[in-house]
Protein backbone atom coordinates (compact mmCIF):
# COMPACT_ATOMS: atom_id res chain seq x y z
CA MET A 1 -128.49 189.40 169.21
CA LYS A 2 -127.83 191.31 172.45
CA TRP A 3 -125.84 189.65 175.22
CA SER A 4 -128.86 189.94 177.48
CA GLU A 5 -130.84 187.73 175.06
CA ILE A 6 -128.41 184.79 175.10
CA PHE A 7 -130.20 183.09 178.00
CA THR A 8 -133.69 184.43 177.27
CA SER A 9 -134.37 184.20 173.52
CA ALA A 10 -135.11 180.90 171.78
CA ILE A 11 -132.12 181.31 169.44
CA GLY A 12 -129.85 182.25 172.34
CA LYS A 13 -130.85 179.19 174.36
CA LYS A 14 -130.21 176.88 171.41
CA LEU A 15 -126.84 178.54 170.84
CA VAL A 16 -125.86 177.99 174.47
CA MET A 17 -127.00 174.38 174.22
CA GLY A 18 -124.93 173.84 171.08
CA LEU A 19 -121.75 175.47 172.36
CA SER A 20 -121.92 173.84 175.79
CA GLY A 21 -122.59 170.51 174.07
CA LEU A 22 -119.47 170.88 171.89
CA PHE A 23 -117.44 171.73 174.99
CA LEU A 24 -118.69 168.60 176.77
CA ILE A 25 -117.91 166.51 173.69
CA SER A 26 -114.29 167.70 173.88
CA PHE A 27 -114.24 166.65 177.54
CA LEU A 28 -115.41 163.14 176.60
CA VAL A 29 -112.38 162.75 174.34
CA ILE A 30 -110.03 163.53 177.25
CA HIS A 31 -111.97 161.39 179.72
CA VAL A 32 -112.19 158.31 177.52
CA GLY A 33 -108.49 158.64 176.65
CA LEU A 34 -107.49 158.77 180.31
CA ASN A 35 -109.73 155.88 181.32
CA ALA A 36 -108.44 153.78 178.42
CA CYS A 37 -105.17 153.54 180.37
CA ILE A 38 -106.75 150.67 182.32
CA TRP A 39 -106.13 148.48 179.27
CA ALA A 40 -102.37 148.90 179.57
CA ASN A 41 -102.53 145.73 181.72
CA ASP A 42 -99.81 147.00 184.05
CA GLY A 43 -101.77 146.63 187.27
CA GLY A 44 -103.16 150.13 187.00
CA VAL A 45 -99.83 151.97 187.06
CA MET A 46 -100.44 154.07 183.93
CA PHE A 47 -104.05 154.80 184.92
CA ASN A 48 -103.11 155.84 188.46
CA LYS A 49 -100.36 158.12 187.12
CA ALA A 50 -102.83 159.78 184.75
CA ALA A 51 -105.43 160.13 187.51
CA HIS A 52 -102.76 161.58 189.84
CA PHE A 53 -101.87 164.20 187.23
CA MET A 54 -105.54 165.13 186.86
CA ASP A 55 -105.89 165.40 190.66
CA THR A 56 -102.83 167.57 191.25
CA SER A 57 -102.75 169.86 188.21
CA VAL A 58 -103.96 173.40 188.95
CA VAL A 59 -104.91 173.90 185.29
CA ILE A 60 -107.04 170.75 185.34
CA ARG A 61 -108.77 171.91 188.52
CA ILE A 62 -109.68 175.22 186.88
CA ILE A 63 -110.95 173.40 183.78
CA GLU A 64 -112.96 171.16 186.12
CA VAL A 65 -114.87 174.18 187.45
CA VAL A 66 -115.61 175.30 183.89
CA LEU A 67 -116.67 171.74 183.08
CA PHE A 68 -119.18 171.62 185.93
CA ALA A 69 -120.56 174.98 184.84
CA GLY A 70 -120.87 173.61 181.29
CA PHE A 71 -122.75 170.55 182.54
CA PHE A 72 -125.26 172.57 184.53
CA ILE A 73 -125.77 175.16 181.78
CA HIS A 74 -126.33 172.38 179.24
CA ILE A 75 -128.74 170.52 181.52
CA ILE A 76 -130.72 173.60 182.60
CA GLN A 77 -131.04 174.92 179.05
CA GLY A 78 -132.07 171.47 177.87
CA ILE A 79 -134.83 171.28 180.47
CA VAL A 80 -136.05 174.79 179.62
CA LEU A 81 -136.12 174.04 175.88
CA GLU A 82 -137.91 170.74 176.45
CA ILE A 83 -140.61 172.43 178.56
CA GLN A 84 -141.05 175.18 175.97
CA ASN A 85 -141.26 172.70 173.10
CA ARG A 86 -143.85 170.61 174.93
CA SER A 87 -145.93 173.67 175.79
CA LYS A 88 -146.05 174.56 172.09
CA ARG A 89 -147.19 171.04 171.20
CA LYS A 90 -150.13 170.70 173.58
CA THR A 91 -152.21 169.43 170.67
CA GLY A 92 -150.51 166.44 169.09
CA TYR A 93 -150.41 165.57 165.44
CA GLN A 94 -153.51 163.79 164.12
CA VAL A 95 -151.26 161.45 162.15
CA LYS A 96 -148.27 160.00 163.98
CA LEU A 97 -145.29 160.42 161.68
CA GLY A 98 -142.87 158.44 163.79
CA ASN A 99 -139.39 158.30 162.25
CA ARG A 100 -140.71 159.84 159.04
CA GLY A 101 -141.02 163.15 160.85
CA SER A 102 -137.89 162.90 163.01
CA LYS A 103 -135.60 160.25 164.45
CA TRP A 104 -136.73 158.77 167.76
CA ASN A 105 -133.57 159.91 169.57
CA SER A 106 -134.20 163.53 168.56
CA ARG A 107 -137.74 163.28 169.97
CA TYR A 108 -136.50 161.81 173.26
CA MET A 109 -133.39 163.92 173.83
CA GLY A 110 -134.86 165.05 177.15
CA LEU A 111 -135.30 161.46 178.38
CA LEU A 112 -131.88 160.35 177.14
CA GLY A 113 -130.26 163.40 178.74
CA THR A 114 -132.05 162.72 182.03
CA ILE A 115 -130.75 159.13 182.10
CA VAL A 116 -127.22 160.38 181.46
CA PHE A 117 -127.59 163.03 184.20
CA MET A 118 -128.84 160.46 186.74
CA PHE A 119 -125.86 158.29 185.84
CA LEU A 120 -123.51 161.24 186.36
CA ILE A 121 -124.79 161.68 189.91
CA ILE A 122 -123.96 158.02 190.62
CA HIS A 123 -120.58 158.37 188.89
CA TRP A 124 -119.66 161.49 190.87
CA LYS A 125 -120.61 159.76 194.12
CA GLN A 126 -118.57 156.66 193.32
CA PHE A 127 -115.44 158.28 191.91
CA TRP A 128 -115.25 162.08 191.91
CA ILE A 129 -116.23 162.70 195.55
CA PRO A 130 -113.84 160.03 196.93
CA SER A 131 -110.96 161.30 194.78
CA ARG A 132 -111.52 164.96 195.71
CA PHE A 133 -112.86 164.89 199.27
CA THR A 134 -113.03 161.60 201.20
CA GLY A 135 -109.83 160.14 199.79
CA VAL A 136 -108.94 156.79 198.25
CA ASN A 137 -106.53 154.19 199.70
CA PRO A 138 -103.05 155.21 198.50
CA VAL A 139 -100.49 153.25 196.51
CA MET A 140 -96.77 153.94 195.98
CA ILE A 141 -95.72 154.36 192.34
CA ASP A 142 -92.20 155.49 191.40
CA GLY A 143 -91.64 156.64 194.96
CA LYS A 144 -94.77 158.81 195.00
CA GLU A 145 -97.93 158.24 197.01
CA MET A 146 -100.99 158.29 194.74
CA GLN A 147 -104.66 157.49 195.16
CA ASN A 148 -105.34 153.97 193.94
CA MET A 149 -108.17 154.86 191.57
CA PHE A 150 -107.57 151.67 189.61
CA ASN A 151 -108.39 149.56 192.66
CA LEU A 152 -111.47 151.71 193.33
CA MET A 153 -112.66 150.89 189.81
CA LYS A 154 -112.02 147.18 190.37
CA VAL A 155 -114.06 147.20 193.59
CA THR A 156 -116.88 149.34 192.17
CA PHE A 157 -117.27 147.27 189.02
CA SER A 158 -117.20 143.96 190.88
CA GLU A 159 -120.97 144.39 191.36
CA LEU A 160 -123.14 143.41 188.41
CA TRP A 161 -125.88 145.98 189.05
CA VAL A 162 -123.34 148.80 188.81
CA VAL A 163 -122.03 147.44 185.51
CA ILE A 164 -125.57 147.22 184.12
CA ILE A 165 -126.31 150.84 185.10
CA TYR A 166 -123.13 152.02 183.37
CA VAL A 167 -123.88 150.07 180.18
CA VAL A 168 -127.46 151.43 180.03
CA ALA A 169 -126.13 154.95 180.60
CA CYS A 170 -123.56 154.53 177.81
CA TYR A 171 -126.29 153.30 175.47
CA SER A 172 -128.32 156.42 176.26
CA LEU A 173 -125.23 158.59 175.87
CA CYS A 174 -124.61 157.13 172.41
CA TRP A 175 -128.06 158.07 171.09
CA HIS A 176 -127.94 161.45 172.83
CA LEU A 177 -124.61 162.21 171.15
CA ILE A 178 -125.68 161.01 167.70
CA HIS A 179 -128.36 163.68 167.57
CA GLY A 180 -126.56 166.29 169.68
CA PHE A 181 -123.33 166.19 167.66
CA GLN A 182 -124.87 167.24 164.35
CA SER A 183 -127.46 169.46 166.05
CA ALA A 184 -124.71 171.51 167.73
CA PHE A 185 -123.05 172.25 164.39
CA ARG A 186 -126.39 173.21 162.85
CA THR A 187 -126.97 175.57 165.75
CA ILE A 188 -123.69 177.42 165.16
CA GLY A 189 -124.56 177.88 161.49
CA VAL A 190 -123.23 174.86 159.56
CA TYR A 191 -125.91 174.24 156.92
CA ASN A 192 -123.88 173.24 153.86
CA SER A 193 -125.16 169.80 152.82
CA ARG A 194 -121.68 168.52 152.03
CA TYR A 195 -120.32 169.48 155.45
CA LEU A 196 -123.44 168.24 157.23
CA SER A 197 -123.10 164.81 155.63
CA LEU A 198 -119.50 164.60 156.88
CA ILE A 199 -120.51 165.89 160.33
CA ASN A 200 -123.34 163.35 160.59
CA LYS A 201 -121.03 160.46 159.72
CA THR A 202 -118.32 161.75 162.05
CA GLY A 203 -120.88 162.20 164.81
CA ILE A 204 -122.18 158.65 164.48
CA GLY A 205 -118.66 157.23 164.49
CA PHE A 206 -117.60 159.36 167.45
CA SER A 207 -120.76 158.54 169.44
CA VAL A 208 -120.48 154.79 168.91
CA ILE A 209 -116.73 154.55 169.57
CA VAL A 210 -116.73 156.74 172.69
CA SER A 211 -119.87 155.18 174.20
CA LEU A 212 -118.67 151.65 173.44
CA ALA A 213 -115.27 152.38 174.99
CA PHE A 214 -116.92 153.73 178.15
CA ALA A 215 -119.25 150.71 178.34
CA MET A 216 -116.40 148.23 177.89
CA MET A 217 -114.50 149.64 180.88
CA PRO A 218 -116.86 148.33 183.61
CA VAL A 219 -117.44 145.16 181.57
CA SER A 220 -113.68 144.55 181.33
CA MET A 221 -113.30 145.08 185.07
CA TYR A 222 -116.21 142.80 185.94
CA LEU A 223 -114.96 139.99 183.68
CA ASN A 224 -111.38 140.42 184.94
CA TRP A 225 -110.00 141.22 181.50
CA VAL A 226 -107.73 143.84 183.10
């Protein structure tokens, strides 16, 4: 495949989707690990320290740019592939196969991805923009002034409608990941049945644990468990 065909050919688009998806999966591991610091039950000290490191590290800022590029590439390629797939299926099947033909989450990856993307816009507005541009009320920790992101989370998740949106988004993320995890490895050439079985099980476990952890964060804040 020529480099010029990566963003134009069907195989190239799927490859970009798979690789960008794996990159975003690695980001989720870092993000869920950092946010899990809220459960240290130390008044947000550990979480604010971690958030401060993420805010002030030059390396993290560079990775952040790459991350945003990965998000947009993944989203754009997903939309393009969805449109192309639908244009090829203008005439539906006479017999509806349902889950016998494919799992429902694989058929609705576009919808699940759209829900996650809409959630990301809300999430960026509530947390990323304040932390990067408008500023968050500071707190002194170990003699250093840091943005009190922990308090911002407490305030944001004190509203039930916000918590519900986050839980719904995490539910959608879970199903999106379950299909996307194994699909990404298939795209990069992993077809061995033994490895695929392991990847499928790992993908399900990863998707459930990560999505559940993310969902429990706003729930824990709302119910004052932290």
